C-alpha atoms as a PDB file:
ATOM      1  CA  MET A   1     105.160  89.628 120.913  1.00  0.00           C
ATOM      2  CA  THR A   2     107.170  88.543 117.710  1.00  0.00           C
ATOM      3  CA  ILE A   3     108.589  90.937 114.935  1.00  0.00           C
ATOM      4  CA  ASN A   4     109.484  89.171 111.412  1.00  0.00           C
ATOM      5  CA  VAL A   5     110.731  90.800 109.042  1.00  0.00           C
ATOM      6  CA  GLN A   6     111.983  89.867 105.372  1.00  0.00           C
ATOM      7  CA  THR A   7     114.452  91.704 102.743  1.00  0.00           C
ATOM      8  CA  ARG A   8     113.333  91.508  99.297  1.00  0.00           C
ATOM      9  CA  GLN A   9     116.228  92.417  96.944  1.00  0.00           C
ATOM     10  CA  ALA A  10     115.381  94.617  93.747  1.00  0.00           C
ATOM     11  CA  ILE A  11     114.410  92.580  90.626  1.00  0.00           C
ATOM     12  CA  ASP A  12     115.295  93.638  87.154  1.00  0.00           C
ATOM     13  CA  PRO A  13     113.240  92.794  84.270  1.00  0.00           C
ATOM     14  CA  ARG A  14     115.491  90.934  82.255  1.00  0.00           C
ATOM     15  CA  HIS A  15     115.495  87.999  85.024  1.00  0.00           C
ATOM     16  CA  ALA A  16     112.433  87.832  85.918  1.00  0.00           C
ATOM     17  CA  LYS A  17     111.082  87.148  82.528  1.00  0.00           C
ATOM     18  CA  GLY A  18     112.743  83.894  83.131  1.00  0.00           C
ATOM     19  CA  PHE A  19     111.059  82.932  86.467  1.00  0.00           C
ATOM     20  CA  ASP A  20     108.827  80.008  86.843  1.00  0.00           C
ATOM     21  CA  THR A  21     105.864  80.536  88.799  1.00  0.00           C
ATOM     22  CA  THR A  22     107.228  79.466  92.437  1.00  0.00           C
ATOM     23  CA  GLU A  23     109.964  81.765  91.518  1.00  0.00           C
ATOM     24  CA  LEU A  24     107.048  85.330  90.690  1.00  0.00           C
ATOM     25  CA  ARG A  25     105.675  84.031  93.973  1.00  0.00           C
ATOM     26  CA  GLU A  26     109.037  83.967  96.024  1.00  0.00           C
ATOM     27  CA  GLU A  27     110.467  87.860  95.017  1.00  0.00           C
ATOM     28  CA  PHE A  28     107.040  89.551  94.397  1.00  0.00           C
ATOM     29  CA  LEU A  29     103.820  88.257  96.767  1.00  0.00           C
ATOM     30  CA  VAL A  30     103.669  88.317  99.929  1.00  0.00           C
ATOM     31  CA  GLU A  31     101.029  85.388 101.028  1.00  0.00           C
ATOM     32  CA  SER A  32     100.911  85.720 104.920  1.00  0.00           C
ATOM     33  CA  LEU A  33     100.889  89.124 107.003  1.00  0.00           C
ATOM     34  CA  PHE A  34      97.936  88.827 108.865  1.00  0.00           C
ATOM     35  CA  VAL A  35      99.353  86.351 112.027  1.00  0.00           C
ATOM     36  CA  ASP A  36      97.935  86.343 115.564  1.00  0.00           C
ATOM     37  CA  GLY A  37     100.174  87.816 118.206  1.00  0.00           C
ATOM     38  CA  GLU A  38     102.650  88.530 115.276  1.00  0.00           C
ATOM     39  CA  ILE A  39     104.157  91.730 113.381  1.00  0.00           C
ATOM     40  CA  ASN A  40     105.238  90.704 109.873  1.00  0.00           C
ATOM     41  CA  LEU A  41     107.143  93.128 107.657  1.00  0.00           C
ATOM     42  CA  VAL A  42     108.725  92.603 104.384  1.00  0.00           C
ATOM     43  CA  TYR A  43     111.524  95.033 103.586  1.00  0.00           C
ATOM     44  CA  SER A  44     111.388  95.893  99.721  1.00  0.00           C
ATOM     45  CA  HIS A  45     114.430  97.368  98.046  1.00  0.00           C
ATOM     46  CA  TYR A  46     111.966  99.103  95.478  1.00  0.00           C
ATOM     47  CA  ASP A  47     112.125 102.624  96.871  1.00  0.00           C
ATOM     48  CA  ARG A  48     112.909 100.657 100.514  1.00  0.00           C
ATOM     49  CA  MET A  49     109.270 100.419 100.861  1.00  0.00           C
ATOM     50  CA  ILE A  50     108.285  98.524 104.057  1.00  0.00           C
ATOM     51  CA  VAL A  51     104.534  96.511 103.851  1.00  0.00           C
ATOM     52  CA  GLY A  52     103.223  95.079 106.701  1.00  0.00           C
ATOM     53  CA  GLY A  53     100.767  93.151 108.843  1.00  0.00           C
ATOM     54  CA  ALA A  54      99.967  93.521 112.892  1.00  0.00           C
ATOM     55  CA  THR A  55      97.194  90.959 114.258  1.00  0.00           C
ATOM     56  CA  PRO A  56      97.387  91.860 118.289  1.00  0.00           C
ATOM     57  CA  ALA A  57      94.768  89.150 118.979  1.00  0.00           C
ATOM     58  CA  GLY A  58      93.732  90.979 122.087  1.00  0.00           C
ATOM     59  CA  GLY A  59      97.208  91.912 123.239  1.00  0.00           C
ATOM     60  CA  LYS A  60      99.132  94.905 122.109  1.00  0.00           C
ATOM     61  CA  LEU A  61     102.296  94.772 119.929  1.00  0.00           C
ATOM     62  CA  THR A  62     104.457  97.578 119.907  1.00  0.00           C
ATOM     63  CA  LEU A  63     106.871  98.340 116.335  1.00  0.00           C
ATOM     64  CA  ASP A  64     109.668  99.709 118.410  1.00  0.00           C
ATOM     65  CA  LYS A  65     112.751  99.177 116.053  1.00  0.00           C
ATOM     66  CA  ILE A  66     114.118  96.833 113.262  1.00  0.00           C
ATOM     67  CA  HIS A  67     117.634  96.049 111.982  1.00  0.00           C
ATOM     68  CA  GLU A  68     116.955  96.367 108.407  1.00  0.00           C
ATOM     69  CA  THR A  69     116.098 100.123 109.002  1.00  0.00           C
ATOM     70  CA  GLY A  70     119.571 100.981 110.596  1.00  0.00           C
ATOM     71  CA  THR A  71     118.493 103.416 112.937  1.00  0.00           C
ATOM     72  CA  PRO A  72     117.818 103.219 116.847  1.00  0.00           C
ATOM     73  CA  GLY A  73     113.639 103.711 116.164  1.00  0.00           C
ATOM     74  CA  PHE A  74     111.798 102.916 113.470  1.00  0.00           C
ATOM     75  CA  LEU A  75     110.078 106.404 112.437  1.00  0.00           C
ATOM     76  CA  ASP A  76     113.601 108.180 113.063  1.00  0.00           C
ATOM     77  CA  ARG A  77     113.496 108.388 108.848  1.00  0.00           C
ATOM     78  CA  ARG A  78     110.504 106.985 108.027  1.00  0.00           C
ATOM     79  CA  GLU A  79     106.737 107.559 107.705  1.00  0.00           C
ATOM     80  CA  THR A  80     104.155 105.141 107.937  1.00  0.00           C
ATOM     81  CA  THR A  81     100.463 104.505 107.681  1.00  0.00           C
ATOM     82  CA  VAL A  82      98.614 102.361 109.758  1.00  0.00           C
ATOM     83  CA  VAL A  83      95.377 100.875 108.031  1.00  0.00           C
ATOM     84  CA  ASN A  84      92.813  98.543 109.815  1.00  0.00           C
ATOM     85  CA  ILE A  85      91.468  96.112 108.099  1.00  0.00           C
ATOM     86  CA  GLY A  86      89.954  94.339 110.767  1.00  0.00           C
ATOM     87  CA  GLU A  87      87.499  95.098 113.293  1.00  0.00           C
ATOM     88  CA  GLN A  88      87.597  97.955 115.673  1.00  0.00           C
ATOM     89  CA  GLY A  89      91.537  98.731 116.839  1.00  0.00           C
ATOM     90  CA  THR A  90      93.380 100.943 118.678  1.00  0.00           C
ATOM     91  CA  VAL A  91      96.970 102.877 117.611  1.00  0.00           C
ATOM     92  CA  GLU A  92      99.016 104.934 120.185  1.00  0.00           C
ATOM     93  CA  VAL A  93     101.893 107.261 119.190  1.00  0.00           C
ATOM     94  CA  GLY A  94     102.987 109.835 120.247  1.00  0.00           C
ATOM     95  CA  GLY A  95     100.887 109.898 123.700  1.00  0.00           C
ATOM     96  CA  GLU A  96      97.344 109.493 122.078  1.00  0.00           C
ATOM     97  CA  ARG A  97      95.656 107.136 121.148  1.00  0.00           C
ATOM     98  CA  HIS A  98      93.340 106.864 118.047  1.00  0.00           C
ATOM     99  CA  GLU A  99      90.358 104.677 117.192  1.00  0.00           C
ATOM    100  CA  LEU A 100      90.060 103.207 113.458  1.00  0.00           C
ATOM    101  CA  GLY A 101      86.981 101.326 112.363  1.00  0.00           C
ATOM    102  CA  ARG A 102      87.618  98.941 109.106  1.00  0.00           C
ATOM    103  CA  CYS A 103      89.078 100.668 106.577  1.00  0.00           C
ATOM    104  CA  ASP A 104      90.281 103.815 108.233  1.00  0.00           C
ATOM    105  CA  MET A 105      94.014 104.621 107.670  1.00  0.00           C
ATOM    106  CA  LEU A 106      96.407 106.924 109.975  1.00  0.00           C
ATOM    107  CA  TYR A 107      99.224 108.815 108.977  1.00  0.00           C
ATOM    108  CA  VAL A 108     102.042 108.316 111.729  1.00  0.00           C
ATOM    109  CA  GLY A 109     104.725 111.165 110.747  1.00  0.00           C
ATOM    110  CA  MET A 110     108.597 110.571 111.011  1.00  0.00           C
ATOM    111  CA  GLY A 111     110.044 110.926 114.583  1.00  0.00           C
ATOM    112  CA  SER A 112     107.210 110.275 116.123  1.00  0.00           C
ATOM    113  CA  GLY A 113     108.246 107.383 118.205  1.00  0.00           C
ATOM    114  CA  ASP A 114     106.726 103.490 118.872  1.00  0.00           C
ATOM    115  CA  ILE A 115     103.381 102.497 117.394  1.00  0.00           C
ATOM    116  CA  VAL A 116     101.469 100.305 120.201  1.00  0.00           C
ATOM    117  CA  LEU A 117      98.769  98.563 118.373  1.00  0.00           C
ATOM    118  CA  SER A 118      96.251  96.643 119.831  1.00  0.00           C
ATOM    119  CA  GLY A 119      92.250  95.588 119.291  1.00  0.00           C
ATOM    120  CA  GLN A 120      90.404  91.841 119.903  1.00  0.00           C
ATOM    121  CA  GLY A 121      89.630  91.456 115.901  1.00  0.00           C
ATOM    122  CA  ALA A 122      91.687  94.500 114.612  1.00  0.00           C
ATOM    123  CA  ARG A 123      94.259  93.345 111.668  1.00  0.00           C
ATOM    124  CA  PHE A 124      96.277  96.247 111.123  1.00  0.00           C
ATOM    125  CA  TYR A 125      98.007  96.759 107.400  1.00  0.00           C
ATOM    126  CA  LEU A 126     100.953  98.758 107.563  1.00  0.00           C
ATOM    127  CA  LEU A 127     103.396 100.642 104.936  1.00  0.00           C
ATOM    128  CA  SER A 128     106.123 102.604 105.560  1.00  0.00           C
ATOM    129  CA  ALA A 129     108.749 104.932 103.148  1.00  0.00           C
ATOM    130  CA  PRO A 130     111.866 106.965 103.878  1.00  0.00           C
ATOM    131  CA  ALA A 131     110.940 110.730 105.014  1.00  0.00           C
ATOM    132  CA  HIS A 132     112.963 113.684 104.856  1.00  0.00           C
ATOM    133  CA  ARG A 133     110.481 115.805 107.527  1.00  0.00           C
ATOM    134  CA  ASN A 134     108.070 115.176 110.093  1.00  0.00           C
ATOM    135  CA  PHE A 135     104.244 115.823 109.012  1.00  0.00           C
ATOM    136  CA  PRO A 136     101.546 115.404 111.682  1.00  0.00           C
ATOM    137  CA  THR A 137      99.741 112.402 112.575  1.00  0.00           C
ATOM    138  CA  ARG A 138      96.532 112.264 111.297  1.00  0.00           C
ATOM    139  CA  LEU A 139      93.624 109.802 111.105  1.00  0.00           C
ATOM    140  CA  ILE A 140      91.646 109.916 108.084  1.00  0.00           C
ATOM    141  CA  THR A 141      88.527 107.729 108.047  1.00  0.00           C
ATOM    142  CA  ILE A 142      86.588 105.593 105.277  1.00  0.00           C
ATOM    143  CA  GLU A 143      84.300 108.656 105.377  1.00  0.00           C
ATOM    144  CA  ASP A 144      86.700 111.314 105.331  1.00  0.00           C
ATOM    145  CA  ALA A 145      88.549 109.647 101.300  1.00  0.00           C
ATOM    146  CA  VAL A 146      88.154 111.810  98.599  1.00  0.00           C
ATOM    147  CA  LYS A 147      86.161 109.511  96.192  1.00  0.00           C
ATOM    148  CA  VAL A 148      86.597 108.856  92.494  1.00  0.00           C
ATOM    149  CA  PRO A 149      84.408 107.013  90.993  1.00  0.00           C
ATOM    150  CA  LEU A 150      85.229 105.857  88.049  1.00  0.00           C
ATOM    151  CA  GLY A 151      84.756 102.860  85.079  1.00  0.00           C
ATOM    152  CA  SER A 152      81.574 100.814  83.972  1.00  0.00           C
ATOM    153  CA  ARG A 153      79.704  98.336  84.595  1.00  0.00           C
ATOM    154  CA  GLU A 154      79.818  97.024  80.816  1.00  0.00           C
ATOM    155  CA  ALA A 155      83.632  97.416  80.614  1.00  0.00           C
ATOM    156  CA  GLY A 156      83.289  95.143  84.480  1.00  0.00           C
ATOM    157  CA  ASN A 157      85.074  98.041  86.311  1.00  0.00           C
ATOM    158  CA  GLU A 158      82.629 100.290  88.206  1.00  0.00           C
ATOM    159  CA  ARG A 159      84.685 100.751  91.031  1.00  0.00           C
ATOM    160  CA  VAL A 160      85.411 104.005  93.145  1.00  0.00           C
ATOM    161  CA  ILE A 161      88.610 105.048  94.220  1.00  0.00           C
ATOM    162  CA  ASN A 162      89.292 106.143  97.864  1.00  0.00           C
ATOM    163  CA  GLN A 163      92.232 108.718  98.387  1.00  0.00           C
ATOM    164  CA  PHE A 164      93.426 108.643 101.486  1.00  0.00           C
ATOM    165  CA  VAL A 165      97.305 109.767 101.924  1.00  0.00           C
ATOM    166  CA  HIS A 166      97.109 111.801  98.786  1.00  0.00           C
ATOM    167  CA  PRO A 167      97.795 115.516  97.620  1.00  0.00           C
ATOM    168  CA  ALA A 168      93.977 115.924  97.779  1.00  0.00           C
ATOM    169  CA  VAL A 169      93.634 115.125 101.277  1.00  0.00           C
ATOM    170  CA  MET A 170      97.033 115.973 102.919  1.00  0.00           C
ATOM    171  CA  GLU A 171     101.072 116.461 102.777  1.00  0.00           C
ATOM    172  CA  SER A 172     103.446 113.154 103.132  1.00  0.00           C
ATOM    173  CA  CYS A 173     106.818 113.186 102.392  1.00  0.00           C
ATOM    174  CA  GLN A 174     106.871 109.788  99.539  1.00  0.00           C
ATOM    175  CA  LEU A 175     103.182 108.017 100.765  1.00  0.00           C
ATOM    176  CA  VAL A 176     100.455 107.698  98.476  1.00  0.00           C
ATOM    177  CA  ILE A 177      98.129 105.535  99.648  1.00  0.00           C
ATOM    178  CA  GLY A 178      94.017 104.866  98.581  1.00  0.00           C
ATOM    179  CA  MET A 179      91.768 101.900  98.675  1.00  0.00           C
ATOM    180  CA  THR A 180      90.012 100.377  95.565  1.00  0.00           C
ATOM    181  CA  GLN A 181      86.305  99.144  95.777  1.00  0.00           C
ATOM    182  CA  LEU A 182      85.010  97.272  92.893  1.00  0.00           C
ATOM    183  CA  ALA A 183      80.870  97.539  92.243  1.00  0.00           C
ATOM    184  CA  SER A 184      78.857  93.886  92.150  1.00  0.00           C
ATOM    185  CA  GLY A 185      79.652  91.984  88.742  1.00  0.00           C
ATOM    186  CA  SER A 186      83.292  94.134  88.204  1.00  0.00           C
ATOM    187  CA  ILE A 187      86.323  92.594  88.064  1.00  0.00           C
ATOM    188  CA  TRP A 188      89.023  94.527  86.173  1.00  0.00           C
ATOM    189  CA  ASN A 189      90.935  97.403  88.268  1.00  0.00           C
ATOM    190  CA  THR A 190      94.071  98.993  86.372  1.00  0.00           C
ATOM    191  CA  MET A 191      93.120  98.292  82.777  1.00  0.00           C
ATOM    192  CA  PRO A 192      93.978  99.741  80.594  1.00  0.00           C
ATOM    193  CA  ALA A 193      97.316  99.242  82.159  1.00  0.00           C
ATOM    194  CA  HIS A 194     100.297 101.734  82.670  1.00  0.00           C
ATOM    195  CA  VAL A 195     103.751 101.498  84.464  1.00  0.00           C
ATOM    196  CA  HIS A 196     105.309 105.130  86.602  1.00  0.00           C
ATOM    197  CA  ASP A 197     109.032 104.424  86.313  1.00  0.00           C
ATOM    198  CA  ARG A 198     109.809 106.783  89.321  1.00  0.00           C
ATOM    199  CA  ARG A 199     107.872 104.782  91.807  1.00  0.00           C
ATOM    200  CA  SER A 200     107.188 101.607  93.067  1.00  0.00           C
ATOM    201  CA  GLU A 201     103.877 100.200  94.303  1.00  0.00           C
ATOM    202  CA  ALA A 202     101.961  97.657  96.242  1.00  0.00           C
ATOM    203  CA  TYR A 203      98.757  96.280  96.238  1.00  0.00           C
ATOM    204  CA  LEU A 204      96.685  94.693  99.343  1.00  0.00           C
ATOM    205  CA  TYR A 205      93.760  92.391  97.852  1.00  0.00           C
ATOM    206  CA  LEU A 206      90.786  92.353 100.258  1.00  0.00           C
ATOM    207  CA  ASP A 207      86.811  91.458 100.634  1.00  0.00           C
ATOM    208  CA  LEU A 208      87.322  88.108  98.549  1.00  0.00           C
ATOM    209  CA  PRO A 209      85.316  85.452  99.536  1.00  0.00           C
ATOM    210  CA  GLU A 210      87.622  81.828 100.859  1.00  0.00           C
ATOM    211  CA  ASP A 211      86.781  80.183  97.237  1.00  0.00           C
ATOM    212  CA  ALA A 212      87.765  83.659  95.490  1.00  0.00           C
ATOM    213  CA  ARG A 213      91.100  83.993  93.649  1.00  0.00           C
ATOM    214  CA  ILE A 214      92.581  87.470  91.693  1.00  0.00           C
ATOM    215  CA  MET A 215      94.500  86.949  88.760  1.00  0.00           C
ATOM    216  CA  HIS A 216      97.335  89.483  89.615  1.00  0.00           C
ATOM    217  CA  PHE A 217      99.263  90.719  86.391  1.00  0.00           C
ATOM    218  CA  MET A 218     102.601  91.858  86.072  1.00  0.00           C
ATOM    219  CA  GLY A 219     105.912  92.152  83.984  1.00  0.00           C
ATOM    220  CA  GLU A 220     106.695  94.461  81.278  1.00  0.00           C
ATOM    221  CA  PRO A 221     103.956  95.526  78.907  1.00  0.00           C
ATOM    222  CA  GLY A 222     105.502  93.185  75.969  1.00  0.00           C
ATOM    223  CA  GLU A 223     106.415  90.254  78.433  1.00  0.00           C
ATOM    224  CA  THR A 224     103.672  90.366  81.240  1.00  0.00           C
ATOM    225  CA  ARG A 225     103.209  87.426  83.578  1.00  0.00           C
ATOM    226  CA  HIS A 226     100.459  86.288  86.411  1.00  0.00           C
ATOM    227  CA  ILE A 227     100.214  85.418  90.258  1.00  0.00           C
ATOM    228  CA  VAL A 228      97.055  84.041  91.566  1.00  0.00           C
ATOM    229  CA  MET A 229      96.424  85.696  94.641  1.00  0.00           C
ATOM    230  CA  LYS A 230      93.832  84.872  97.774  1.00  0.00           C
ATOM    231  CA  ASN A 231      92.330  87.443 100.439  1.00  0.00           C
ATOM    232  CA  GLU A 232      94.427  89.385 102.468  1.00  0.00           C
ATOM    233  CA  GLN A 233      97.456  88.605 100.471  1.00  0.00           C
ATOM    234  CA  ALA A 234      99.817  91.414  99.201  1.00  0.00           C
ATOM    235  CA  VAL A 235     102.149  91.989  96.205  1.00  0.00           C
ATOM    236  CA  LEU A 236     105.075  93.718  95.425  1.00  0.00           C
ATOM    237  CA  SER A 237     105.016  96.151  91.974  1.00  0.00           C
ATOM    238  CA  PRO A 238     108.460  97.270  90.441  1.00  0.00           C
ATOM    239  CA  PRO A 239     108.592 100.538  88.676  1.00  0.00           C
ATOM    240  CA  TRP A 240     109.206  98.728  85.447  1.00  0.00           C
ATOM    241  CA  SER A 241     105.936  96.824  85.920  1.00  0.00           C
ATOM    242  CA  ILE A 242     102.481  96.979  84.925  1.00  0.00           C
ATOM    243  CA  HIS A 243     100.059  96.275  87.961  1.00  0.00           C
ATOM    244  CA  SER A 244      96.377  95.128  87.238  1.00  0.00           C
ATOM    245  CA  GLY A 245      94.180  92.339  88.026  1.00  0.00           C
ATOM    246  CA  ALA A 246      90.893  90.715  87.473  1.00  0.00           C
ATOM    247  CA  GLY A 247      89.092  88.806  90.094  1.00  0.00           C
ATOM    248  CA  THR A 248      86.831  85.404  90.168  1.00  0.00           C
ATOM    249  CA  SER A 249      84.191  88.374  92.289  1.00  0.00           C
ATOM    250  CA  ALA A 250      84.182  91.758  93.231  1.00  0.00           C
ATOM    251  CA  TYR A 251      86.976  92.741  95.606  1.00  0.00           C
ATOM    252  CA  SER A 252      88.729  95.802  97.296  1.00  0.00           C
ATOM    253  CA  PHE A 253      92.641  96.464  96.876  1.00  0.00           C
ATOM    254  CA  ILE A 254      94.769  99.126  98.960  1.00  0.00           C
ATOM    255  CA  TRP A 255      97.221 100.142  96.875  1.00  0.00           C
ATOM    256  CA  CYS A 256     100.306 102.138  98.064  1.00  0.00           C
ATOM    257  CA  MET A 257     103.140 104.068  96.094  1.00  0.00           C
ATOM    258  CA  ALA A 258     106.861 105.198  96.798  1.00  0.00           C
ATOM    259  CA  GLY A 259     109.520 107.448  94.994  1.00  0.00           C
ATOM    260  CA  ASP A 260     110.188 110.220  93.376  1.00  0.00           C
ATOM    261  CA  ASN A 261     106.839 111.999  93.818  1.00  0.00           C
ATOM    262  CA  VAL A 262     103.628 112.297  94.825  1.00  0.00           C
ATOM    263  CA  ASP A 263     101.887 113.167  91.533  1.00  0.00           C
ATOM    264  CA  TYR A 264      99.126 110.562  91.289  1.00  0.00           C
ATOM    265  CA  THR A 265      98.778 111.154  87.759  1.00  0.00           C
ATOM    266  CA  ASP A 266     102.563 110.722  86.623  1.00  0.00           C
ATOM    267  CA  VAL A 267     101.944 107.129  84.968  1.00  0.00           C
ATOM    268  CA  GLU A 268     102.785 105.909  81.576  1.00  0.00           C
ATOM    269  CA  MET A 269      99.420 104.514  79.760  1.00  0.00           C
ATOM    270  CA  VAL A 270     100.145 101.429  78.042  1.00  0.00           C
ATOM    271  CA  ALA A 271      97.903 100.732  74.830  1.00  0.00           C
ATOM    272  CA  MET A 272      95.459  97.360  74.956  1.00  0.00           C
ATOM    273  CA  ASP A 273      97.752  96.301  71.621  1.00  0.00           C
ATOM    274  CA  GLU A 274     100.748  97.042  73.020  1.00  0.00           C
ATOM    275  CA  LEU A 275     100.431  94.131  75.837  1.00  0.00           C
ATOM    276  CA  ARG A 276     101.786  90.330  75.569  1.00  0.00           C
END
């Protein structure tokens, strides 16, 4: 079993506006999370969020400790959510087994011990942030998620927001996580755009055909940039940056926020005429 960890430093907007395509991708794009037999993690200095992927490929993978957290165990001072984006899989934590179907999420509270992941066709997306107290481990299936329809076909953004780790569903310390699914024929997400200076965010795009792409938009409202992404790639969104995307076909994305609060509506909207 292999655990690989990258560290990404926080980048301020003055430096980011001078990045070329290669530099933008190196700092913000997470290209290869899901590799058979490996756990791959990115430790971000934006709110100390960790995003990662684990692909058991018929064996077992154990997330127990990494040097970057500075604690004996991974969950000693952290909460984590495990999302299965593949076939049926199993997560063992605290002596209990949890079966996750596709797009089910398991919230694991601080101090719960090692996380053991298995499943021949399972691919687990991992999201973690520092925590200050324990909340119980809880499985939230795609059926359990709170559904919020938004947008319209005419505007190209008809979508459903599925709220999982969210105040409408459960308590957490920092993590707020959900999945947005676009209807066939819709391509835009999160437009008009917004920023939330008190929280950072990460996106994982999925349900894209192999030959389709996402144009992920980032940067300050008056100094935008874009990153071209493909299926099952993730991107880090700094607190100062917009985060929006348009696809060459319909898609879904898992969003995760961490920071000062868990207020989903705590955003600063950006008017269309402010974008440059």
